[in-house]
Protein backbone atom coordinates (compact mmCIF):
# COMPACT_ATOMS: atom_id res chain seq x y z
CA MET A 1 -24.08 3.80 23.09
CA GLU A 2 -24.26 3.88 27.13
CA PHE A 3 -21.18 2.04 27.28
CA ILE A 4 -19.20 4.69 25.34
CA ALA A 5 -20.58 7.61 27.10
CA LYS A 6 -19.52 6.10 30.40
CA ALA A 7 -16.13 5.59 28.59
CA LYS A 8 -15.79 9.05 27.71
CA ASN A 9 -16.61 10.58 31.16
CA GLY A 10 -14.48 8.17 32.90
CA GLU A 11 -17.27 6.17 34.85
CA VAL A 12 -15.59 3.18 32.71
CA GLN A 13 -11.97 2.89 32.53
CA VAL A 14 -10.86 1.64 29.14
CA ASP A 15 -7.65 -0.33 29.71
CA SER A 16 -8.01 -3.78 27.89
CA HIS A 17 -8.13 -5.05 24.65
CA ASP A 18 -11.74 -6.42 25.02
CA GLN A 19 -13.10 -2.86 26.08
CA VAL A 20 -11.53 -1.24 22.81
CA LEU A 21 -13.01 -3.92 20.80
CA ARG A 22 -16.35 -3.29 22.27
CA ILE A 23 -16.15 0.33 21.68
CA ALA A 24 -14.87 -0.37 18.29
CA PHE A 25 -17.74 -2.81 17.41
CA ILE A 26 -20.31 0.05 18.61
CA TYR A 27 -18.91 2.35 16.27
CA MET A 28 -18.47 0.30 13.32
CA ASP A 29 -22.60 -0.38 13.40
CA GLU A 30 -22.87 3.21 11.99
CA GLY A 31 -19.18 3.59 10.66
CA LEU A 32 -19.37 0.79 8.23
CA TRP A 33 -22.62 2.08 6.38
CA GLY A 34 -22.61 5.64 7.55
CA GLY A 35 -21.86 7.57 4.60
CA TYR A 36 -19.72 7.79 1.12
CA GLY A 37 -16.56 8.73 0.22
CA CYS A 38 -12.68 7.92 1.67
CA ASP A 39 -13.40 9.21 5.01
CA TYR A 40 -15.65 6.67 5.79
CA GLY A 41 -15.71 2.86 6.93
CA VAL A 42 -12.80 1.80 9.24
CA PHE A 43 -11.03 5.06 8.39
CA SER A 44 -13.52 7.17 10.15
CA VAL A 45 -13.85 4.92 12.99
CA VAL A 46 -10.09 5.20 13.79
CA GLU A 47 -10.29 8.70 14.04
CA ARG A 48 -12.99 8.55 16.40
CA LEU A 49 -11.06 6.00 18.55
CA HIS A 50 -7.86 7.98 18.55
CA LYS A 51 -9.87 11.29 19.38
CA TYR A 52 -10.63 9.88 22.81
CA GLY A 53 -7.23 8.05 23.27
CA TRP A 54 -8.32 4.64 22.61
CA SER A 55 -5.96 2.23 20.73
CA PHE A 56 -5.50 -1.69 20.61
CA GLY A 57 -1.90 -1.27 20.59
CA GLN A 58 0.17 -1.26 23.91
CA GLY A 59 3.84 0.05 24.66
CA HIS A 60 5.53 1.00 21.07
CA LEU A 61 2.35 0.19 19.21
CA LYS A 62 0.09 2.69 20.98
CA PHE A 63 -1.87 4.49 18.23
CA ASN A 64 -0.16 2.26 15.55
CA ARG A 65 -2.66 3.18 12.62
CA THR A 66 -1.90 -0.21 10.76
CA LEU A 67 -2.76 -2.12 14.19
CA ASP A 68 -6.04 -0.14 14.88
CA ILE A 69 -7.37 -0.51 11.39
CA PHE A 70 -6.59 -4.06 11.11
CA TYR A 71 -8.87 -4.62 14.07
CA LEU A 72 -11.64 -2.60 12.36
CA ALA A 73 -11.21 -4.42 9.30
CA GLN A 74 -11.49 -7.74 11.48
CA ILE A 75 -14.88 -6.47 12.97
CA ALA A 76 -16.18 -5.69 9.40
CA ALA A 77 -15.02 -9.17 8.23
CA GLY A 78 -17.03 -10.55 11.14
CA ILE A 79 -20.26 -8.42 10.33
CA TYR A 80 -19.95 -9.84 6.51
CA ARG A 81 -19.79 -13.25 7.84
CA SER A 82 -22.71 -12.95 10.54
CA THR A 83 -24.97 -11.69 7.79
CA ASN A 84 -24.08 -14.31 5.00
CA GLN A 85 -22.18 -11.57 3.32
CA LEU A 86 -24.74 -9.07 3.58
CA GLN A 87 -27.53 -11.64 2.15
CA THR A 88 -29.54 -11.37 5.33
CA ASN A 89 -31.39 -8.31 6.91
CA VAL A 90 -30.46 -9.16 10.57
CA TYR A 91 -27.30 -7.30 11.38
CA PRO A 92 -25.20 -7.64 14.47
CA LYS A 93 -26.31 -4.84 16.99
CA PRO A 94 -24.20 -2.96 19.65
CA ASP A 95 -25.75 -5.19 22.19
CA ASP A 96 -25.00 -8.29 20.50
CA PHE A 97 -20.99 -7.71 21.25
CA ASP A 98 -20.56 -10.78 23.63
CA ILE A 99 -22.06 -13.15 21.26
CA PHE A 100 -20.29 -11.54 18.09
CA TYR A 101 -16.89 -11.59 19.91
CA ALA A 102 -17.36 -15.60 20.87
CA ARG A 103 -18.44 -16.46 17.31
CA HIS A 104 -15.32 -14.41 15.88
CA TYR A 105 -12.72 -14.95 18.43
CA GLN A 106 -10.24 -16.04 16.16
CA LEU A 107 -10.37 -13.05 13.97
CA LEU A 108 -10.79 -10.56 17.10
CA ASN A 109 -8.67 -11.68 19.94
CA GLN A 110 -5.73 -9.39 21.15
CA ASP A 111 -3.12 -11.92 19.45
CA ALA A 112 -4.93 -12.16 16.16
CA TRP A 113 -2.69 -9.76 14.42
CA LYS A 114 0.40 -12.07 14.82
CA GLU A 115 -1.32 -14.16 12.15
CA TYR A 116 -1.10 -11.22 9.77
CA TYR A 117 1.62 -9.30 10.37
CA SER A 118 5.50 -9.61 11.23
CA PRO A 119 6.51 -7.78 14.47
CA ALA A 120 9.26 -5.87 12.58
CA PHE A 121 6.90 -5.04 9.72
CA LEU A 122 4.43 -3.66 11.95
CA ALA A 123 6.75 -1.75 14.15
CA GLN A 124 8.00 0.24 11.16
CA PRO A 125 7.38 3.97 11.41
CA LEU A 126 5.40 3.91 7.97
CA SER A 127 3.22 1.14 9.47
CA ALA A 128 2.42 3.44 12.59
CA ARG A 129 1.96 6.21 10.50
CA PHE A 130 -0.10 4.73 7.63
CA TYR A 131 -2.54 1.78 7.24
CA ARG A 132 -0.75 -1.07 5.38
CA LEU A 133 -2.01 -4.80 4.40
CA PRO A 134 -0.44 -7.45 6.23
CA ASP A 135 2.54 -8.80 4.98
CA LEU A 136 2.06 -12.61 6.41
CA ARG A 137 -1.61 -13.55 4.96
CA ASP A 138 -4.57 -11.78 3.24
CA LEU A 139 -7.19 -10.09 5.40
CA PRO A 140 -10.35 -12.50 5.76
CA ASP A 141 -11.96 -13.14 2.30
CA ALA A 142 -10.05 -10.42 0.80
CA SER A 143 -8.62 -12.38 -1.73
CA ASP A 144 -12.02 -13.05 -3.44
CA PRO A 145 -14.85 -11.11 -4.76
CA LEU A 146 -16.68 -8.82 -2.25
CA LYS A 147 -19.59 -10.88 -0.68
CA ALA A 148 -18.79 -14.06 -2.50
CA PRO A 149 -15.72 -15.75 -0.65
CA ARG A 150 -14.55 -18.96 -2.25
CA GLN A 151 -13.26 -20.82 0.86
CA LYS A 152 -9.93 -21.73 -1.19
CA GLY A 153 -7.68 -21.65 1.99
CA ILE A 154 -6.04 -19.32 4.28
CA GLY A 155 -2.72 -17.57 2.83
CA HIS A 156 -1.29 -14.79 1.15
CA HIS A 157 -2.71 -15.03 -2.17
CA ASN A 158 -3.20 -11.34 -3.08
CA LYS A 159 0.76 -10.78 -2.50
CA LEU A 160 2.19 -11.39 -5.99
CA PRO A 161 -0.71 -10.14 -7.98
CA CYS A 162 -0.79 -6.98 -5.96
CA TRP A 163 2.87 -6.40 -6.29
CA ALA A 164 2.68 -7.12 -10.25
CA TYR A 165 -0.11 -4.76 -10.73
CA ASN A 166 1.93 -2.11 -9.18
CA VAL A 167 5.00 -3.15 -11.45
CA VAL A 168 2.66 -2.72 -14.60
CA ARG A 169 1.10 0.35 -13.68
CA THR A 170 4.64 2.00 -12.75
CA HIS A 171 5.71 0.81 -16.35
CA GLN A 172 2.60 2.40 -17.84
CA ARG A 173 3.09 5.55 -16.06
CA GLN A 174 6.80 6.26 -17.24
CA SER A 175 8.63 6.18 -20.23
CA THR A 176 12.20 6.26 -19.62
CA LEU A 177 13.05 2.79 -19.10
CA PRO A 178 12.12 -0.40 -21.35
CA VAL A 179 10.03 -2.72 -20.22
CA GLU A 180 13.17 -5.47 -19.77
CA THR A 181 14.74 -3.33 -17.49
CA ILE A 182 11.35 -2.84 -15.47
CA ILE A 183 11.04 -6.35 -15.22
CA GLN A 184 14.60 -6.97 -14.07
CA ILE A 185 14.33 -4.33 -11.38
CA ALA A 186 10.93 -6.02 -10.45
CA LEU A 187 12.62 -9.45 -10.06
CA SER A 188 15.38 -8.62 -8.36
CA THR A 189 13.83 -5.97 -5.63
CA LEU A 190 11.20 -9.05 -5.22
CA GLU A 191 13.61 -11.76 -4.56
CA GLN A 192 15.64 -9.65 -2.30
CA THR A 193 12.76 -8.36 -0.28
CA ILE A 194 11.68 -11.81 0.29
CA SER A 195 15.00 -13.26 1.24
CA ARG A 196 15.49 -10.65 3.87
CA GLN A 197 11.69 -11.23 5.05
CA ARG A 198 12.31 -15.00 5.77
CA LYS A 199 15.93 -14.41 7.13
CA GLU A 200 14.32 -11.78 9.52
CA PHE A 201 11.04 -13.76 10.33
CA PRO A 202 11.19 -17.36 9.79
CA SER A 203 7.64 -18.38 8.90
CA PRO A 204 5.84 -20.70 6.51
CA SER A 205 3.52 -17.51 6.12
CA ILE A 206 6.30 -15.94 3.82
CA GLN A 207 6.47 -18.07 0.71
CA PRO A 208 10.01 -18.62 -0.95
CA TYR A 209 10.85 -16.64 -4.26
CA SER A 210 9.67 -18.27 -7.35
CA GLU A 211 10.35 -16.45 -10.66
CA THR A 212 7.96 -18.72 -12.13
CA GLN A 213 5.33 -17.16 -10.23
CA ALA A 214 6.39 -13.63 -10.39
CA ARG A 215 6.80 -13.88 -14.01
CA PHE A 216 3.18 -15.46 -14.53
CA TRP A 217 1.62 -12.63 -12.50
CA LEU A 218 3.51 -9.84 -14.56
CA LYS A 219 2.04 -11.34 -17.73
CA TYR A 220 -1.57 -11.89 -16.43
CA MET A 221 -1.34 -8.10 -15.75
CA LYS A 222 -0.20 -7.31 -19.29
CA ILE A 223 3.55 -6.16 -18.50
CA ASP A 224 4.32 -6.85 -22.22
CA ASP A 225 1.17 -5.63 -23.93
CA SER A 226 2.76 -2.95 -25.70
CA SER A 227 -0.70 -1.94 -27.56
CA GLU A 228 -2.15 -0.83 -24.44
CA PRO A 229 -2.41 3.13 -24.61
CA VAL A 230 -1.34 4.98 -21.72
CA ILE A 231 -4.27 6.48 -20.10
CA ARG A 232 -5.32 8.68 -17.09
CA GLN A 233 -6.40 5.63 -15.18
CA ALA A 234 -2.93 4.43 -14.71
CA TRP A 235 -2.37 7.55 -13.01
CA THR A 236 -5.23 7.07 -10.25
CA SER A 237 -4.34 5.67 -6.79
CA ASN A 238 -3.25 2.14 -6.60
CA ARG A 239 -6.58 0.17 -5.53
CA PHE A 240 -5.86 -3.40 -6.05
CA GLY A 241 -8.18 -4.52 -3.15
CA SER A 242 -11.22 -2.80 -4.91
CA LEU A 243 -10.53 -4.52 -8.33
CA ILE A 244 -10.35 -7.93 -6.37
CA ALA A 245 -13.56 -7.06 -4.70
CA GLN A 246 -15.29 -6.37 -8.32
CA GLY A 247 -13.79 -9.61 -9.91
CA TRP A 248 -11.83 -7.68 -12.44
CA TYR A 249 -8.65 -9.85 -11.09
CA ASP A 250 -8.60 -13.39 -9.96
CA ALA A 251 -6.25 -14.04 -7.27
CA TRP A 252 -6.24 -17.78 -8.39
CA GLY A 253 -5.75 -17.23 -12.09
CA TRP A 254 -2.71 -19.18 -12.31
CA GLU A 255 -4.83 -22.15 -12.08
CA ARG A 256 -5.50 -21.24 -15.91
CA ASP A 257 -1.77 -22.47 -16.63
CA TYR A 258 -0.65 -24.62 -13.89
CA SER A 259 -1.34 -27.54 -11.91
CA ARG A 260 -1.06 -26.89 -8.06
CA GLN A 261 1.79 -29.59 -8.30
CA ARG A 262 3.79 -27.58 -10.70
CA TRP A 263 2.91 -24.32 -9.30
CA GLU A 264 4.26 -25.31 -5.98
CA ALA A 265 7.32 -27.09 -7.63
CA SER A 266 8.37 -23.67 -9.10
CA ILE A 267 10.00 -22.21 -6.11
CA GLY A 268 13.60 -21.76 -6.27
CA VAL A 269 13.49 -23.26 -9.67
CA VAL A 270 15.84 -21.50 -12.37
CA PRO A 271 15.05 -21.34 -15.31
CA PRO A 272 11.10 -20.42 -14.89
CA LEU A 273 8.56 -23.69 -15.56
CA ASP A 274 6.54 -23.46 -18.60
CA PRO A 275 3.04 -24.00 -18.08
CA ASP A 276 1.42 -27.52 -18.16
CA LEU A 277 -2.05 -26.64 -18.54
CA ASP A 278 -4.26 -25.76 -21.84
CA GLU A 279 -5.29 -22.16 -20.73
CA THR A 280 -8.06 -22.52 -23.43
CA LEU A 281 -9.84 -24.98 -21.30
CA TYR A 282 -9.80 -22.76 -18.25
CA GLN A 283 -12.71 -21.10 -16.69
CA SER A 284 -12.35 -18.48 -14.06
CA GLU A 285 -14.43 -18.99 -11.12
CA VAL A 286 -14.92 -15.08 -10.82
CA THR A 287 -16.77 -12.74 -12.90
CA TRP A 288 -16.24 -9.06 -13.03
CA CYS A 289 -19.22 -7.16 -11.65
CA GLY A 290 -19.02 -4.59 -14.51
CA TYR A 291 -19.67 -0.73 -14.28
CA PRO A 292 -21.02 0.93 -12.38
CA ASP A 293 -20.30 -1.55 -9.54
CA GLY A 294 -22.95 -1.22 -7.18
CA GLY A 295 -20.89 0.63 -4.69
CA ILE A 296 -18.48 -2.48 -4.43
CA THR A 297 -15.34 -0.22 -4.54
CA ALA A 298 -16.64 1.99 -1.74
CA LEU A 299 -17.61 -1.15 0.53
CA SER A 300 -14.09 -2.67 0.10
CA TRP A 301 -12.40 0.78 0.92
CA TYR A 302 -14.95 0.67 4.07
CA ARG A 303 -13.45 -2.73 4.94
CA GLY A 304 -9.97 -1.71 4.78
CA TRP A 305 -8.98 -3.76 1.88
CA ASP A 306 -7.14 -0.98 0.20
CA ALA A 307 -4.06 0.43 2.21
CA GLU A 308 -2.74 3.93 2.57
CA LEU A 309 0.56 2.68 1.50
CA GLY A 310 2.09 -0.23 -0.11
CA SER A 311 4.32 -3.37 0.88
CA GLU A 312 7.77 -3.69 1.47
CA GLU A 313 8.41 -5.17 -2.17
CA ASP A 314 6.31 -2.29 -3.59
CA LEU A 315 8.59 0.24 -2.00
CA ALA A 316 11.87 -1.34 -2.77
CA PHE A 317 10.73 -1.62 -6.52
CA LEU A 318 9.46 1.85 -6.72
CA ALA A 319 12.84 3.20 -5.16
CA ALA A 320 15.30 1.11 -7.37
CA VAL A 321 13.20 2.38 -10.32
CA ALA A 322 13.60 6.03 -9.21
CA VAL A 323 17.29 5.39 -8.78
CA LYS A 324 17.72 3.92 -12.37
CA GLU A 325 15.65 6.72 -13.80
CA THR A 326 18.21 9.15 -12.11
CA GLU A 327 21.41 7.04 -12.85
CA GLY A 328 24.16 9.24 -13.95
CA ILE A 329 22.59 12.75 -13.77
CA ASP A 330 24.97 15.33 -12.35
CA THR A 331 23.32 17.94 -10.34
CA ASP A 332 26.49 19.52 -9.05
CA THR A 333 26.62 22.03 -11.65
CA GLY A 334 22.83 23.10 -11.35
CA MET A 335 19.26 21.67 -12.28
CA ASP A 336 19.15 21.84 -15.77
CA ASN A 337 20.04 18.11 -16.54
CA LEU A 338 16.67 17.12 -14.58
CA ASP A 339 13.53 16.33 -16.53
CA TYR A 340 10.81 17.90 -14.37
CA ALA A 341 8.04 15.74 -15.73
CA ILE A 342 9.53 12.69 -14.00
CA ARG A 343 8.93 12.36 -10.18
CA SER A 344 12.06 10.92 -9.49
CA HIS A 345 14.01 13.65 -11.04
CA ILE A 346 12.10 15.96 -9.16
CA LEU A 347 12.82 14.29 -5.86
CA LEU A 348 16.48 14.20 -6.89
CA GLY A 349 16.39 18.03 -7.11
CA VAL A 350 14.60 18.30 -3.53
CA MET A 351 17.34 16.10 -2.16
CA ARG A 352 20.08 18.35 -3.74
CA VAL A 353 18.31 21.35 -2.24
CA ALA A 354 17.94 19.90 1.17
CA PHE A 355 21.78 19.69 1.00
CA LYS A 356 22.01 23.53 0.42
CA MET A 357 22.29 26.35 2.87
CA GLU A 358 19.44 28.46 3.98
CA MET A 359 20.47 31.33 1.98
CA GLU A 360 20.84 29.38 -1.31
CA ARG A 361 17.60 27.42 -0.77
CA ALA A 362 15.13 30.34 -1.52
CA LYS A 363 16.43 30.67 -5.16
CA ASP A 364 16.59 26.65 -5.76
CA ILE A 365 12.97 26.39 -4.53
CA ASP A 366 11.80 29.04 -6.82
CA ASP A 367 13.61 27.41 -9.67
CA LEU A 368 12.14 24.19 -8.80
CA LYS A 369 8.51 25.18 -8.39
CA GLY A 370 8.65 27.16 -11.75
CA ARG A 371 9.85 24.07 -13.78
CA ILE A 372 7.41 21.93 -12.19
CA VAL A 373 4.60 24.36 -13.03
CA LYS A 374 5.84 24.70 -16.54
CA VAL A 375 5.64 21.07 -17.45
CA GLY A 376 2.30 20.55 -15.82
CA ARG A 377 2.87 18.32 -12.93
CA ILE A 378 1.28 20.84 -10.29
CA ASP A 379 -1.04 23.64 -11.63
CA GLU A 380 0.03 26.51 -9.36
CA GLU A 381 3.31 27.72 -7.97
CA SER A 382 1.97 28.02 -4.22
CA LYS A 383 1.26 24.58 -4.25
CA ALA A 384 4.38 23.49 -6.22
CA GLU A 385 6.49 25.31 -3.40
CA GLU A 386 4.45 23.63 -0.70
CA TRP A 387 5.34 20.33 -2.19
CA ILE A 388 8.78 20.96 -2.25
CA ARG A 389 8.90 22.08 1.37
CA GLN A 390 7.06 19.09 2.68
CA ALA A 391 9.62 16.82 0.66
CA LEU A 392 12.29 18.86 2.14
CA MET A 393 10.72 17.95 5.68
CA VAL A 394 11.33 14.43 4.84
CA MET A 395 14.84 14.63 3.47
CA GLU A 396 16.41 17.15 5.96
CA PRO A 397 16.91 14.50 8.80
CA TYR A 398 19.45 12.25 6.05
CA VAL A 399 21.42 15.41 5.53
CA PRO A 400 24.08 15.27 8.78
CA ALA A 401 25.10 11.77 8.25
CA TYR A 402 26.66 12.54 4.82
CA GLN A 403 30.01 14.28 4.64
CA GLY A 404 31.78 15.95 1.36
CA HIS A 405 31.51 19.16 -0.52
CA ASP A 406 29.16 21.26 1.34
CA GLY A 407 27.90 17.94 2.76
CA TRP A 408 26.85 16.54 -0.73
CA PRO A 409 27.51 12.78 -1.11
CA ALA A 410 30.67 12.84 -2.66
CA THR A 411 30.27 10.07 -5.35
CA VAL A 412 26.90 9.40 -7.53
CA GLU A 413 26.97 5.92 -6.16
CA ASP A 414 26.51 7.52 -2.65
CA ARG A 415 23.76 9.70 -4.00
CA SER A 416 21.98 6.95 -5.53
CA GLU A 417 22.05 5.01 -2.17
CA LEU A 418 20.78 7.87 -0.49
CA LEU A 419 17.77 8.49 -2.72
CA ARG A 420 16.98 4.76 -2.69
CA LYS A 421 17.15 4.98 1.33
CA ILE A 422 14.93 8.00 1.61
CA LEU A 423 12.39 6.64 -0.88
CA VAL A 424 12.22 3.01 0.78
CA GLU A 425 11.69 4.58 4.28
CA ASN A 426 9.42 7.27 3.04
CA GLY A 427 7.44 5.44 0.58
CA HIS A 428 4.48 8.28 0.60
CA LEU A 429 6.75 10.54 -1.48
CA PHE A 430 5.44 8.41 -4.55
CA GLY A 431 1.98 9.50 -3.91
CA ARG A 432 0.75 5.91 -5.35
CA TRP A 433 -1.89 5.48 -2.33
CA THR A 434 -5.16 6.99 -1.22
CA VAL A 435 -4.77 8.48 2.33
CA CYS A 436 -7.79 9.30 3.75
CA PRO A 437 -8.54 13.04 3.62
CA SER A 438 -9.45 13.55 7.41
CA TYR A 439 -6.17 12.25 8.28
CA LYS A 440 -4.53 15.27 7.04
CA GLU A 441 -1.32 13.69 5.89
CA PHE A 442 0.34 15.78 2.72
CA ASP A 443 -0.71 14.37 -0.28
CA PHE A 444 2.36 14.11 -3.05
CA GLU A 445 0.35 13.31 -5.82
CA LEU A 446 1.36 15.04 -9.06
CA ASN A 447 -0.62 15.81 -11.90
CA PRO A 448 -0.51 12.74 -14.74
CA ARG A 449 1.76 13.23 -17.84
CA VAL A 450 -1.01 12.52 -20.23
CA SER A 451 -3.87 14.77 -21.38
């Protein structure tokens, strides 16, 4: 701690990646284990770094929340590896930094992030503001159960199962769109997103689109199981990383149905390829830990295995669903055509208010908050008003770019495109992911539509 004390009082000038890394390593000695809840682990340490003006980023990446938490997650991965996945009682201490850094240099060097994040994704305002998982490959050991990595190869094994998990939970939450429509929206937005990603950042790390693989993961996550009741758990935050950590899902589950050769040959092939293996002969290499899970959910959160905001394909899908849910709704004559039990309808209503003159807004906000409370999505009118005003702050910057009657986009198509753009660029409006409470970002969560 002597080094940190000198850094705080200015005796040591913190002006290099290695010095910030040393400070972060010292803080992680306590931060990785020092409490229980969403404010601990990598999320507590990043707050301590930023408090004193320390960041791994330079220039436009200074204080980039995704980049800074990424390096803390890398330190956590190194600690787990140094202790044989916590199987030994000898943990790296602050004085061991030089040895630790040399041993895990590939994880921790100043260019390590480039193997995990594309520059454009990392530079997005949402990535600077919220912690997001890598868009090129999984965090170290994060596609296997916690403390039991299988060494099955480096890649982005979690990408499609995590995407499918979000799609299926969306289907469980909403009642307006048939499953066939949800699937088509999911497949089309995934294909479009991957195509754009590969065009903007040509890299073998971004695997081409495969309808076979996408449909497999949707089926794996039980997209077509109508017998599953909609329960309150479907309304909890997306925490796919903790479910991988528990062994609930297997990121290599496709080995149940497909040989590697056929799985890889499915890229770009239409129609989807049928399985070539007998699933009854398959035995998964992972086993669910059971519940209570012995702290695995908390430990995976501390390691940064769950994001504060979803991937590009997640947000593209959710925005497209919102547009479809609000398709053809006329708000020109008032707000009576909206269903205030549905988030997308609420957001469309807020977007309409954003285009109103200040004198008209008060009445519309009162109307909105009363309807939201009446259907039970928010319990109190004061909280509903704060929710609306926070959403308005997000939407207002988009107003000047549109012309027409009182500024409101003239056609239904233009309104839908504006809603889609707002949601893709401000995915926190979906309220789907847990944001560290101490970060003090507004939470757009709504009450479940189930009792």
